[in-house]
């Protein structure tokens, strides 16, 4: 019995000792950062901002890999299929890891398959409308929709089950208005059609391209969805400042994720490196140039709590609007 106790104590000591060793050994080769969209888009641009500072912190090259398809789930599945050793990171947002499984029957992964190591960036979501839409705030848009019940206003989104689709379906439910949904394959063609007057409005991530179109008078930004006004758009009211949608606030975020079975010492090493990269003034300036802000510092526990809360929130909305996987 004494020998068994000694053997157990020795094994426990060895396992505890492996943690620091594993963290020191990782990474042993270049780290792939998987972006679930094609090269050249806003997600890709944001990811590439981190490659050099993150590589410097990890002591290994960080390489961006792009793989679009199936609402971002194809790239997510590739990361889940790779060894869970920290050498494959996924740049995820609510659209790919939380919402895609709720909207697309072909997506078999679930949010809990991933662990959020650290949020990295946030962007401002706005209500953008065609230039001649007779509404200049969200309250006015809701009033216009009530008057146009026989010929519903059209809104675009980047697809059924996207965050932007969920938000406006939830708005319809809370206000009693009826809208016509026009799904698109991407932000660029949707923004182009709003500028051309083919679609009445949409909820989209604010971008420099959108700002340029607004300055040219080709469309207008009539509201923002954050809890407070963004520094980027101090003159645009939040939707919660009106009477129709009090307390309504959303933000779009992205973060670096790993499969949930990734060893804890590796996750801790990645978390420390990402946190250091986020403090880099160059990273913050480059994100700002992409109309994004660097995420606030967060512990691993806080990252986990945030991810769990976001997952629960969007699942509740999907259930409330009776979203069914197609």
Protein backbone atom coordinates (compact mmCIF):
# COMPACT_ATOMS: atom_id res chain seq x y z
CA UNK A 1 0.00 0.00 0.00
CA UNK A 2 2.85 2.35 0.91
CA UNK A 3 4.53 1.63 -2.43
CA UNK A 4 1.29 2.44 -4.28
CA UNK A 5 0.98 5.77 -2.47
CA UNK A 6 4.60 6.63 -3.28
CA UNK A 7 4.08 5.70 -6.96
CA UNK A 8 0.95 7.83 -7.16
CA UNK A 9 2.75 10.80 -5.59
CA UNK A 10 5.64 10.38 -8.04
CA UNK A 11 3.23 10.28 -11.02
CA UNK A 12 1.41 13.39 -9.80
CA UNK A 13 4.74 15.19 -9.43
CA UNK A 14 5.76 14.23 -12.94
CA UNK A 15 2.46 15.44 -14.39
CA UNK A 16 2.70 18.75 -12.55
CA UNK A 17 6.25 19.18 -13.79
CA UNK A 18 5.15 18.62 -17.38
CA UNK A 19 3.03 21.79 -17.40
CA UNK A 20 5.88 24.34 -17.33
CA UNK A 21 7.96 22.15 -19.64
CA UNK A 22 5.14 21.94 -22.17
CA UNK A 23 4.61 25.69 -22.06
CA UNK A 24 8.35 26.32 -22.54
CA UNK A 25 8.55 23.86 -25.45
CA UNK A 26 5.55 25.34 -27.30
CA UNK A 27 5.63 26.34 -30.08
CA UNK A 28 8.03 23.95 -31.79
CA UNK A 29 7.15 25.05 -35.33
CA UNK A 30 5.32 27.89 -37.15
CA UNK A 31 1.82 28.65 -35.87
CA UNK A 32 -1.02 28.79 -38.39
CA UNK A 33 -3.69 31.45 -37.89
CA UNK A 34 -6.79 30.28 -39.74
CA UNK A 35 -9.01 33.02 -41.19
CA UNK A 36 -12.43 31.68 -42.29
CA UNK A 37 -12.72 34.08 -45.24
CA UNK A 38 -10.77 34.76 -48.45
CA UNK A 39 -7.64 36.91 -48.49
CA UNK A 40 -8.15 40.64 -48.92
CA UNK A 41 -11.25 41.04 -46.76
CA UNK A 42 -11.53 42.85 -43.40
CA UNK A 43 -11.06 39.65 -41.36
CA UNK A 44 -7.90 38.80 -43.28
CA UNK A 45 -6.56 42.34 -42.88
CA UNK A 46 -7.12 42.23 -39.11
CA UNK A 47 -5.43 38.84 -38.76
CA UNK A 48 -2.31 39.98 -40.61
CA UNK A 49 -1.86 42.84 -38.16
CA UNK A 50 -1.06 40.25 -35.46
CA UNK A 51 1.33 37.96 -37.31
CA UNK A 52 4.59 39.82 -36.60
CA UNK A 53 3.98 40.87 -32.95
CA UNK A 54 2.46 37.50 -32.06
CA UNK A 55 5.32 35.68 -33.77
CA UNK A 56 7.79 37.81 -31.83
CA UNK A 57 6.12 36.89 -28.54
CA UNK A 58 5.97 33.18 -29.39
CA UNK A 59 9.42 32.93 -30.93
CA UNK A 60 8.00 31.30 -34.06
CA UNK A 61 6.58 32.54 -37.35
CA UNK A 62 2.79 33.06 -37.41
CA UNK A 63 1.30 32.31 -40.83
CA UNK A 64 -2.18 33.33 -41.96
CA UNK A 65 -4.17 30.65 -43.78
CA UNK A 66 -7.41 31.57 -45.56
CA UNK A 67 -10.28 29.16 -46.13
CA UNK A 68 -13.78 30.40 -46.91
CA UNK A 69 -16.99 28.43 -47.27
CA UNK A 70 -20.02 27.19 -45.31
CA UNK A 71 -20.38 30.41 -43.29
CA UNK A 72 -16.81 30.08 -42.04
CA UNK A 73 -17.44 26.58 -40.68
CA UNK A 74 -15.15 24.87 -43.22
CA UNK A 75 -12.14 26.66 -41.75
CA UNK A 76 -13.36 26.04 -38.20
CA UNK A 77 -13.68 22.32 -38.90
CA UNK A 78 -10.16 22.18 -40.33
CA UNK A 79 -8.80 23.62 -37.09
CA UNK A 80 -10.82 21.14 -35.04
CA UNK A 81 -9.47 18.28 -37.17
CA UNK A 82 -5.83 19.34 -36.62
CA UNK A 83 -3.85 18.20 -33.56
CA UNK A 84 -4.97 20.21 -30.51
CA UNK A 85 -1.44 21.34 -29.67
CA UNK A 86 -1.76 25.12 -30.15
CA UNK A 87 -0.08 25.24 -33.56
CA UNK A 88 -3.42 25.96 -35.23
CA UNK A 89 -5.32 29.06 -34.08
CA UNK A 90 -8.77 30.01 -35.33
CA UNK A 91 -9.83 33.63 -35.76
CA UNK A 92 -13.48 33.31 -34.83
CA UNK A 93 -16.49 35.56 -34.25
CA UNK A 94 -20.11 34.81 -33.28
CA UNK A 95 -20.96 34.28 -36.95
CA UNK A 96 -18.80 31.18 -37.45
CA UNK A 97 -18.69 29.43 -34.10
CA UNK A 98 -22.06 30.29 -32.51
CA UNK A 99 -24.49 31.12 -35.31
CA UNK A 100 -23.39 28.91 -38.23
CA UNK A 101 -24.37 25.68 -36.37
CA UNK A 102 -27.78 27.20 -35.58
CA UNK A 103 -28.53 28.18 -39.18
CA UNK A 104 -26.77 25.63 -41.37
CA UNK A 105 -27.67 21.94 -41.07
CA UNK A 106 -24.39 21.02 -42.78
CA UNK A 107 -22.39 22.51 -39.88
CA UNK A 108 -21.81 19.82 -37.27
CA UNK A 109 -19.51 21.69 -34.88
CA UNK A 110 -20.77 23.57 -31.82
CA UNK A 111 -19.49 26.58 -29.93
CA UNK A 112 -18.26 24.41 -27.06
CA UNK A 113 -15.79 22.67 -29.39
CA UNK A 114 -13.67 25.82 -29.16
CA UNK A 115 -12.06 27.70 -26.34
CA UNK A 116 -11.67 31.47 -26.63
CA UNK A 117 -8.07 32.22 -25.66
CA UNK A 118 -8.53 36.00 -25.87
CA UNK A 119 -10.81 38.44 -27.72
CA UNK A 120 -8.65 40.53 -30.06
CA UNK A 121 -10.79 43.16 -31.77
CA UNK A 122 -14.19 44.82 -31.78
CA UNK A 123 -15.98 46.65 -34.58
CA UNK A 124 -18.94 49.02 -34.67
CA UNK A 125 -22.18 47.76 -36.16
CA UNK A 126 -24.39 50.38 -37.76
CA UNK A 127 -27.75 50.78 -39.46
CA UNK A 128 -26.99 51.96 -42.99
CA UNK A 129 -29.74 53.06 -45.39
CA UNK A 130 -30.18 54.14 -48.99
CA UNK A 131 -29.65 57.88 -49.36
CA UNK A 132 -33.29 58.75 -50.05
CA UNK A 133 -34.93 56.54 -47.40
CA UNK A 134 -37.28 58.92 -45.51
CA UNK A 135 -35.87 57.97 -42.10
CA UNK A 136 -32.85 59.42 -40.28
CA UNK A 137 -32.92 57.39 -37.07
CA UNK A 138 -33.94 53.92 -35.97
CA UNK A 139 -37.15 55.27 -34.43
CA UNK A 140 -38.05 56.94 -37.73
CA UNK A 141 -37.23 53.72 -39.60
CA UNK A 142 -39.54 51.70 -37.33
CA UNK A 143 -42.31 54.29 -37.84
CA UNK A 144 -41.79 54.13 -41.62
CA UNK A 145 -41.96 50.33 -41.53
CA UNK A 146 -45.29 50.51 -39.69
CA UNK A 147 -46.68 52.82 -42.37
CA UNK A 148 -45.31 50.54 -45.12
CA UNK A 149 -46.82 47.28 -43.87
CA UNK A 150 -48.44 46.50 -47.23
CA UNK A 151 -45.13 46.99 -49.05
CA UNK A 152 -42.53 46.01 -46.42
CA UNK A 153 -39.16 47.74 -46.34
CA UNK A 154 -36.31 45.51 -47.52
CA UNK A 155 -33.21 44.82 -45.49
CA UNK A 156 -30.08 43.01 -46.60
CA UNK A 157 -27.77 40.71 -44.68
CA UNK A 158 -24.87 38.43 -45.46
CA UNK A 159 -27.13 35.39 -45.06
CA UNK A 160 -29.76 33.62 -43.01
CA UNK A 161 -28.45 33.02 -39.51
CA UNK A 162 -25.81 35.76 -39.68
CA UNK A 163 -25.64 38.09 -36.69
CA UNK A 164 -27.07 40.93 -38.79
CA UNK A 165 -30.05 38.79 -39.83
CA UNK A 166 -30.70 37.74 -36.22
CA UNK A 167 -30.60 41.33 -34.99
CA UNK A 168 -33.21 42.57 -37.45
CA UNK A 169 -35.46 39.56 -36.99
CA UNK A 170 -35.33 40.28 -33.25
CA UNK A 171 -36.16 43.96 -33.94
CA UNK A 172 -39.21 42.88 -35.93
CA UNK A 173 -40.34 40.69 -33.07
CA UNK A 174 -39.91 43.37 -30.41
CA UNK A 175 -41.52 46.21 -32.41
CA UNK A 176 -44.19 44.31 -34.36
CA UNK A 177 -43.00 45.61 -37.73
CA UNK A 178 -42.67 43.44 -40.85
CA UNK A 179 -39.61 43.58 -43.10
CA UNK A 180 -38.50 41.72 -46.23
CA UNK A 181 -35.14 39.94 -45.95
CA UNK A 182 -32.72 39.99 -48.91
CA UNK A 183 -29.75 37.67 -48.24
CA UNK A 184 -26.42 38.42 -49.95
CA UNK A 185 -23.16 36.49 -50.29
CA UNK A 186 -21.03 39.24 -48.81
CA UNK A 187 -20.76 42.78 -47.46
CA UNK A 188 -19.41 44.35 -50.66
CA UNK A 189 -22.35 43.54 -52.99
CA UNK A 190 -24.86 44.44 -50.26
CA UNK A 191 -23.22 47.81 -49.63
CA UNK A 192 -23.15 48.42 -53.38
CA UNK A 193 -26.89 47.73 -53.67
CA UNK A 194 -27.73 50.03 -50.75
CA UNK A 195 -25.69 52.71 -52.49
CA UNK A 196 -27.63 52.00 -55.67
CA UNK A 197 -31.00 52.09 -53.91
CA UNK A 198 -31.91 48.44 -54.59
CA UNK A 199 -32.16 47.67 -50.85
CA UNK A 200 -33.66 49.97 -48.21
CA UNK A 201 -31.26 49.33 -45.35
CA UNK A 202 -29.06 46.86 -43.46
CA UNK A 203 -27.13 46.29 -40.27
CA UNK A 204 -23.44 46.03 -41.17
CA UNK A 205 -20.02 46.52 -39.66
CA UNK A 206 -18.88 50.11 -40.15
CA UNK A 207 -15.96 50.36 -42.58
CA UNK A 208 -13.84 53.00 -44.24
CA UNK A 209 -15.54 52.18 -47.55
CA UNK A 210 -18.95 52.79 -46.00
CA UNK A 211 -17.75 56.05 -44.51
CA UNK A 212 -16.51 57.19 -47.91
CA UNK A 213 -19.86 56.37 -49.55
CA UNK A 214 -21.67 58.28 -46.78
CA UNK A 215 -19.42 61.32 -47.28
CA UNK A 216 -20.22 61.20 -51.01
CA UNK A 217 -23.93 61.22 -50.19
CA UNK A 218 -24.54 57.80 -51.76
CA UNK A 219 -25.94 56.28 -48.54
CA UNK A 220 -26.45 57.32 -44.93
CA UNK A 221 -25.61 55.88 -41.52
CA UNK A 222 -28.62 56.42 -39.27
CA UNK A 223 -27.74 54.52 -36.09
CA UNK A 224 -25.13 52.47 -34.30
CA UNK A 225 -25.68 49.38 -32.18
CA UNK A 226 -23.11 49.74 -29.42
CA UNK A 227 -24.03 50.52 -25.83
CA UNK A 228 -22.30 53.90 -26.23
CA UNK A 229 -21.44 56.03 -29.24
CA UNK A 230 -18.18 55.02 -30.87
CA UNK A 231 -15.33 57.50 -31.15
CA UNK A 232 -15.46 56.77 -34.89
CA UNK A 233 -19.05 58.04 -35.14
CA UNK A 234 -19.67 60.59 -32.38
CA UNK A 235 -22.49 62.24 -34.33
CA UNK A 236 -24.47 59.05 -34.97
CA UNK A 237 -26.91 58.07 -32.16
CA UNK A 238 -27.09 54.58 -30.74
CA UNK A 239 -30.37 52.76 -31.41
CA UNK A 240 -30.98 52.58 -27.65
CA UNK A 241 -31.08 56.38 -27.43
CA UNK A 242 -34.50 56.27 -29.12
CA UNK A 243 -37.83 55.12 -27.73
CA UNK A 244 -38.36 51.98 -29.81
CA UNK A 245 -35.32 49.91 -28.80
CA UNK A 246 -34.31 50.87 -25.26
CA UNK A 247 -31.51 48.73 -23.88
CA UNK A 248 -30.71 47.15 -27.25
CA UNK A 249 -26.93 46.95 -27.73
CA UNK A 250 -24.72 44.67 -29.79
CA UNK A 251 -21.07 44.56 -30.74
CA UNK A 252 -19.25 42.36 -33.18
CA UNK A 253 -16.02 40.87 -31.87
CA UNK A 254 -13.35 38.49 -33.05
CA UNK A 255 -10.97 36.40 -31.01
CA UNK A 256 -8.27 33.78 -31.28
CA UNK A 257 -9.53 30.30 -30.41
CA UNK A 258 -8.19 26.78 -30.03
CA UNK A 259 -9.88 23.38 -29.80
CA UNK A 260 -11.15 22.86 -26.25
CA UNK A 261 -8.83 19.90 -25.58
CA UNK A 262 -5.68 21.99 -26.10
CA UNK A 263 -3.38 21.53 -23.06
CA UNK A 264 -3.70 24.23 -20.40
CA UNK A 265 0.00 25.25 -20.41
CA UNK A 266 -0.21 25.85 -24.17
CA UNK A 267 -3.40 27.91 -23.77
CA UNK A 268 -1.72 29.97 -21.06
CA UNK A 269 1.33 30.58 -23.28
CA UNK A 270 -0.91 31.71 -26.16
CA UNK A 271 -2.98 33.90 -23.85
CA UNK A 272 0.11 35.68 -22.56
CA UNK A 273 1.44 36.23 -26.09
CA UNK A 274 -1.87 37.55 -27.45
CA UNK A 275 -2.25 39.87 -24.47
CA UNK A 276 1.24 41.28 -25.09
CA UNK A 277 0.50 41.76 -28.81
CA UNK A 278 -2.66 43.68 -27.98
CA UNK A 279 -0.60 46.20 -25.98
CA UNK A 280 1.61 46.92 -29.00
CA UNK A 281 0.91 50.53 -30.15
CA UNK A 282 1.45 49.46 -33.76
CA UNK A 283 -1.24 46.79 -33.48
CA UNK A 284 -3.71 49.24 -31.95
CA UNK A 285 -2.99 51.88 -34.61
CA UNK A 286 -3.36 49.40 -37.47
CA UNK A 287 -6.65 48.09 -36.07
CA UNK A 288 -7.91 51.67 -35.78
CA UNK A 289 -7.02 52.18 -39.45
CA UNK A 290 -9.30 49.21 -40.17
CA UNK A 291 -12.07 50.93 -38.12
CA UNK A 292 -11.62 48.37 -35.34
CA UNK A 293 -10.53 48.70 -31.72
CA UNK A 294 -8.22 46.40 -29.83
CA UNK A 295 -9.99 44.23 -27.27
CA UNK A 296 -9.60 45.11 -23.61
CA UNK A 297 -7.28 42.99 -21.45
CA UNK A 298 -8.99 39.83 -20.18
CA UNK A 299 -7.91 36.88 -18.09
CA UNK A 300 -8.50 33.35 -19.35
CA UNK A 301 -11.43 33.06 -16.94
CA UNK A 302 -12.92 36.35 -18.17
CA UNK A 303 -12.52 35.22 -21.79
CA UNK A 304 -14.35 31.99 -20.98
CA UNK A 305 -17.17 33.85 -19.20
CA UNK A 306 -17.56 36.28 -22.10
CA UNK A 307 -17.68 33.47 -24.66
CA UNK A 308 -20.26 31.51 -22.64
CA UNK A 309 -22.44 34.61 -22.22
CA UNK A 310 -22.32 35.45 -25.95
CA UNK A 311 -23.15 31.85 -26.87
CA UNK A 312 -26.16 31.81 -24.54
CA UNK A 313 -27.37 35.22 -25.76
CA UNK A 314 -27.41 34.35 -29.45
CA UNK A 315 -28.87 30.92 -28.90
CA UNK A 316 -31.72 32.56 -26.99
CA UNK A 317 -32.34 34.99 -29.87
CA UNK A 318 -32.24 32.16 -32.43
CA UNK A 319 -34.80 30.27 -30.38
CA UNK A 320 -37.02 33.33 -29.96
CA UNK A 321 -37.16 34.00 -33.74
CA UNK A 322 -37.64 30.26 -34.45
CA UNK A 323 -34.44 29.98 -36.49
CA UNK A 324 -34.18 26.48 -37.99
CA UNK A 325 -31.06 24.97 -39.58
CA UNK A 326 -31.48 24.89 -43.36
